[in-house]
Amino acid sequence: MYLPVDVFKGLCKKQKTGIRPEDPQCDLFEKMPKCKFCAMYTEDGKDIGKCNMKAMTYPDLPALHCTAFQWIQQN
């Protein structure tokens, strides 16, 4: 997982090495669960949506502790 340190650099969480946002992803990359990747999320407009058709949320909000999170099925 890429952890931003500031606008110029970050860390590869698994390898504990420094990387820049434009560098290729580290070999141990895992997609972070975010609202925009959840099957319960519906987009209402630019940079806003609803969770489970009820609560307003941001698409890039991390869903690390969301008990209802379900990955969108990829075809």
N, C-alpha and C. Protein backbone atom coordinates (compact mmCIF):
# COMPACT_ATOMS: atom_id res chain seq x y z
N MET A 1 0.85 -1.17 0.00
CA MET A 1 0.00 0.00 0.00
C MET A 1 0.90 1.24 0.00
N TYR A 2 0.54 2.22 -0.76
CA TYR A 2 1.28 3.48 -0.83
C TYR A 2 0.79 4.39 0.27
N LEU A 3 1.70 4.82 1.13
CA LEU A 3 1.37 5.75 2.20
C LEU A 3 2.00 7.10 1.88
N PRO A 4 1.19 8.13 1.61
CA PRO A 4 1.78 9.44 1.29
C PRO A 4 2.45 10.05 2.52
N VAL A 5 3.64 10.59 2.33
CA VAL A 5 4.35 11.30 3.39
C VAL A 5 4.12 12.80 3.22
N ASP A 6 4.26 13.25 1.99
CA ASP A 6 3.93 14.62 1.61
C ASP A 6 3.58 14.59 0.12
N VAL A 7 3.48 15.74 -0.53
CA VAL A 7 3.07 15.76 -1.94
C VAL A 7 4.14 15.24 -2.88
N PHE A 8 5.37 15.06 -2.41
CA PHE A 8 6.47 14.64 -3.27
C PHE A 8 6.91 13.20 -3.10
N LYS A 9 6.57 12.57 -1.99
CA LYS A 9 7.04 11.21 -1.75
C LYS A 9 6.10 10.45 -0.83
N GLY A 10 6.31 9.13 -0.83
CA GLY A 10 5.53 8.27 0.04
C GLY A 10 6.34 7.04 0.40
N LEU A 11 5.69 6.07 1.00
CA LEU A 11 6.33 4.83 1.41
C LEU A 11 5.55 3.64 0.89
N CYS A 12 6.27 2.60 0.47
CA CYS A 12 5.64 1.33 0.19
C CYS A 12 5.49 0.65 1.54
N LYS A 13 4.28 0.47 2.01
CA LYS A 13 4.03 -0.03 3.37
C LYS A 13 4.64 -1.42 3.59
N LYS A 14 4.57 -2.29 2.60
CA LYS A 14 5.08 -3.66 2.76
C LYS A 14 6.60 -3.71 2.77
N GLN A 15 7.24 -2.99 1.79
CA GLN A 15 8.69 -3.06 1.67
C GLN A 15 9.41 -2.03 2.53
N LYS A 16 8.66 -1.07 3.07
CA LYS A 16 9.23 -0.01 3.91
C LYS A 16 10.29 0.80 3.15
N THR A 17 10.05 1.03 1.86
CA THR A 17 10.97 1.81 1.04
C THR A 17 10.28 3.07 0.53
N GLY A 18 11.05 4.10 0.28
CA GLY A 18 10.51 5.35 -0.23
C GLY A 18 10.18 5.25 -1.71
N ILE A 19 9.04 5.80 -2.11
CA ILE A 19 8.64 5.86 -3.51
C ILE A 19 7.94 7.18 -3.77
N ARG A 20 7.97 7.60 -5.04
CA ARG A 20 7.25 8.81 -5.44
C ARG A 20 5.92 8.39 -6.05
N PRO A 21 4.91 9.26 -6.05
CA PRO A 21 3.60 8.90 -6.61
C PRO A 21 3.66 8.45 -8.07
N GLU A 22 4.61 8.99 -8.85
CA GLU A 22 4.69 8.63 -10.27
C GLU A 22 5.53 7.37 -10.52
N ASP A 23 6.18 6.81 -9.50
CA ASP A 23 6.96 5.57 -9.65
C ASP A 23 6.03 4.39 -9.88
N PRO A 24 6.55 3.31 -10.51
CA PRO A 24 5.73 2.10 -10.65
C PRO A 24 5.37 1.56 -9.26
N GLN A 25 4.23 0.90 -9.18
CA GLN A 25 3.81 0.37 -7.88
C GLN A 25 4.78 -0.68 -7.37
N CYS A 26 4.87 -0.82 -6.06
CA CYS A 26 5.77 -1.84 -5.51
C CYS A 26 5.20 -3.24 -5.80
N ASP A 27 6.06 -4.22 -5.79
CA ASP A 27 5.67 -5.59 -6.15
C ASP A 27 4.60 -6.17 -5.23
N LEU A 28 4.53 -5.69 -4.01
CA LEU A 28 3.58 -6.23 -3.03
C LEU A 28 2.33 -5.37 -2.92
N PHE A 29 1.97 -4.68 -3.99
CA PHE A 29 0.84 -3.75 -4.00
C PHE A 29 -0.47 -4.45 -3.66
N GLU A 30 -1.25 -3.83 -2.79
CA GLU A 30 -2.62 -4.27 -2.48
C GLU A 30 -3.53 -3.06 -2.64
N LYS A 31 -4.65 -3.23 -3.31
CA LYS A 31 -5.59 -2.14 -3.50
C LYS A 31 -6.23 -1.81 -2.15
N MET A 32 -6.24 -0.52 -1.80
CA MET A 32 -6.84 -0.07 -0.54
C MET A 32 -8.35 -0.01 -0.70
N PRO A 33 -9.09 -0.58 0.23
CA PRO A 33 -10.55 -0.46 0.14
C PRO A 33 -10.98 1.00 0.33
N LYS A 34 -11.66 1.53 -0.66
CA LYS A 34 -12.20 2.88 -0.60
C LYS A 34 -13.66 2.81 -1.03
N CYS A 35 -14.42 3.80 -0.66
CA CYS A 35 -15.85 3.82 -0.98
C CYS A 35 -16.09 3.62 -2.47
N LYS A 36 -15.26 4.22 -3.34
CA LYS A 36 -15.48 4.12 -4.78
C LYS A 36 -15.28 2.70 -5.32
N PHE A 37 -14.66 1.82 -4.55
CA PHE A 37 -14.47 0.42 -4.96
C PHE A 37 -15.51 -0.50 -4.36
N CYS A 38 -16.46 0.04 -3.61
CA CYS A 38 -17.45 -0.76 -2.89
C CYS A 38 -18.72 -0.93 -3.72
N ALA A 39 -19.30 -2.11 -3.66
CA ALA A 39 -20.55 -2.39 -4.37
C ALA A 39 -21.72 -1.59 -3.81
N MET A 40 -21.60 -1.09 -2.60
CA MET A 40 -22.68 -0.31 -1.96
C MET A 40 -22.64 1.18 -2.34
N TYR A 41 -21.58 1.60 -3.03
CA TYR A 41 -21.39 3.02 -3.36
C TYR A 41 -22.05 3.36 -4.69
N THR A 42 -22.80 4.47 -4.71
CA THR A 42 -23.35 5.00 -5.95
C THR A 42 -22.95 6.47 -6.07
N GLU A 43 -22.47 6.84 -7.24
CA GLU A 43 -22.01 8.21 -7.47
C GLU A 43 -23.20 9.13 -7.68
N ASP A 44 -23.20 10.25 -6.96
CA ASP A 44 -24.25 11.26 -7.10
C ASP A 44 -23.80 12.47 -7.89
N GLY A 45 -22.54 12.67 -7.97
CA GLY A 45 -21.97 13.81 -8.67
C GLY A 45 -20.47 13.72 -8.59
N LYS A 46 -19.79 14.77 -9.05
CA LYS A 46 -18.33 14.75 -9.01
C LYS A 46 -17.86 14.83 -7.56
N ASP A 47 -17.08 13.85 -7.15
CA ASP A 47 -16.47 13.80 -5.82
C ASP A 47 -17.47 13.64 -4.67
N ILE A 48 -18.62 13.07 -4.94
CA ILE A 48 -19.60 12.79 -3.86
C ILE A 48 -20.49 11.63 -4.29
N GLY A 49 -20.97 10.89 -3.33
CA GLY A 49 -21.84 9.76 -3.62
C GLY A 49 -22.58 9.32 -2.37
N LYS A 50 -23.23 8.18 -2.47
CA LYS A 50 -23.98 7.65 -1.34
C LYS A 50 -23.55 6.23 -1.04
N CYS A 51 -23.51 5.93 0.23
CA CYS A 51 -23.24 4.58 0.70
C CYS A 51 -24.58 3.91 0.97
N ASN A 52 -24.81 2.79 0.31
CA ASN A 52 -26.03 2.02 0.51
C ASN A 52 -27.28 2.86 0.26
N MET A 53 -27.16 3.81 -0.69
CA MET A 53 -28.26 4.70 -1.09
C MET A 53 -28.76 5.60 0.04
N LYS A 54 -27.97 5.74 1.12
CA LYS A 54 -28.41 6.54 2.27
C LYS A 54 -27.41 7.62 2.65
N ALA A 55 -26.29 7.24 3.22
CA ALA A 55 -25.32 8.18 3.77
C ALA A 55 -24.45 8.79 2.68
N MET A 56 -24.28 10.11 2.72
CA MET A 56 -23.39 10.80 1.78
C MET A 56 -21.95 10.46 2.15
N THR A 57 -21.11 10.26 1.12
CA THR A 57 -19.71 9.92 1.36
C THR A 57 -18.86 10.38 0.18
N TYR A 58 -17.57 10.43 0.40
CA TYR A 58 -16.62 10.79 -0.63
C TYR A 58 -16.06 9.50 -1.26
N PRO A 59 -15.85 9.48 -2.58
CA PRO A 59 -15.38 8.25 -3.23
C PRO A 59 -14.00 7.79 -2.75
N ASP A 60 -13.11 8.72 -2.39
CA ASP A 60 -11.77 8.35 -1.97
C ASP A 60 -11.65 8.13 -0.46
N LEU A 61 -12.76 8.11 0.24
CA LEU A 61 -12.72 7.86 1.69
C LEU A 61 -12.30 6.42 1.94
N PRO A 62 -11.23 6.20 2.73
CA PRO A 62 -10.81 4.83 3.02
C PRO A 62 -11.90 4.07 3.78
N ALA A 63 -12.11 2.84 3.38
CA ALA A 63 -13.14 2.00 4.01
C ALA A 63 -12.50 0.85 4.80
N LEU A 64 -11.38 1.14 5.43
CA LEU A 64 -10.63 0.11 6.14
C LEU A 64 -11.41 -0.52 7.29
N HIS A 65 -12.26 0.24 7.94
CA HIS A 65 -13.00 -0.25 9.11
C HIS A 65 -14.49 -0.41 8.84
N CYS A 66 -14.88 -0.34 7.58
CA CYS A 66 -16.29 -0.46 7.20
C CYS A 66 -16.69 -1.94 7.20
N THR A 67 -17.65 -2.30 8.02
CA THR A 67 -18.07 -3.70 8.10
C THR A 67 -18.96 -4.11 6.93
N ALA A 68 -19.53 -3.14 6.20
CA ALA A 68 -20.40 -3.46 5.07
C ALA A 68 -19.66 -3.44 3.72
N PHE A 69 -18.36 -3.18 3.72
CA PHE A 69 -17.60 -3.05 2.47
C PHE A 69 -17.61 -4.36 1.69
N GLN A 70 -17.91 -4.24 0.37
CA GLN A 70 -17.86 -5.38 -0.55
C GLN A 70 -17.21 -4.89 -1.84
N TRP A 71 -16.16 -5.58 -2.29
CA TRP A 71 -15.49 -5.19 -3.53
C TRP A 71 -16.47 -5.29 -4.70
N ILE A 72 -16.38 -4.34 -5.63
CA ILE A 72 -17.15 -4.39 -6.86
C ILE A 72 -16.67 -5.60 -7.67
N GLN A 73 -17.58 -6.36 -8.21
CA GLN A 73 -17.22 -7.51 -9.02
C GLN A 73 -16.67 -7.05 -10.36
N GLN A 74 -15.48 -7.51 -10.71
CA GLN A 74 -14.85 -7.17 -11.99
C GLN A 74 -15.25 -8.22 -13.03
N ASN A 75 -15.61 -7.78 -14.22
CA ASN A 75 -15.96 -8.72 -15.29
C ASN A 75 -14.76 -9.11 -16.11
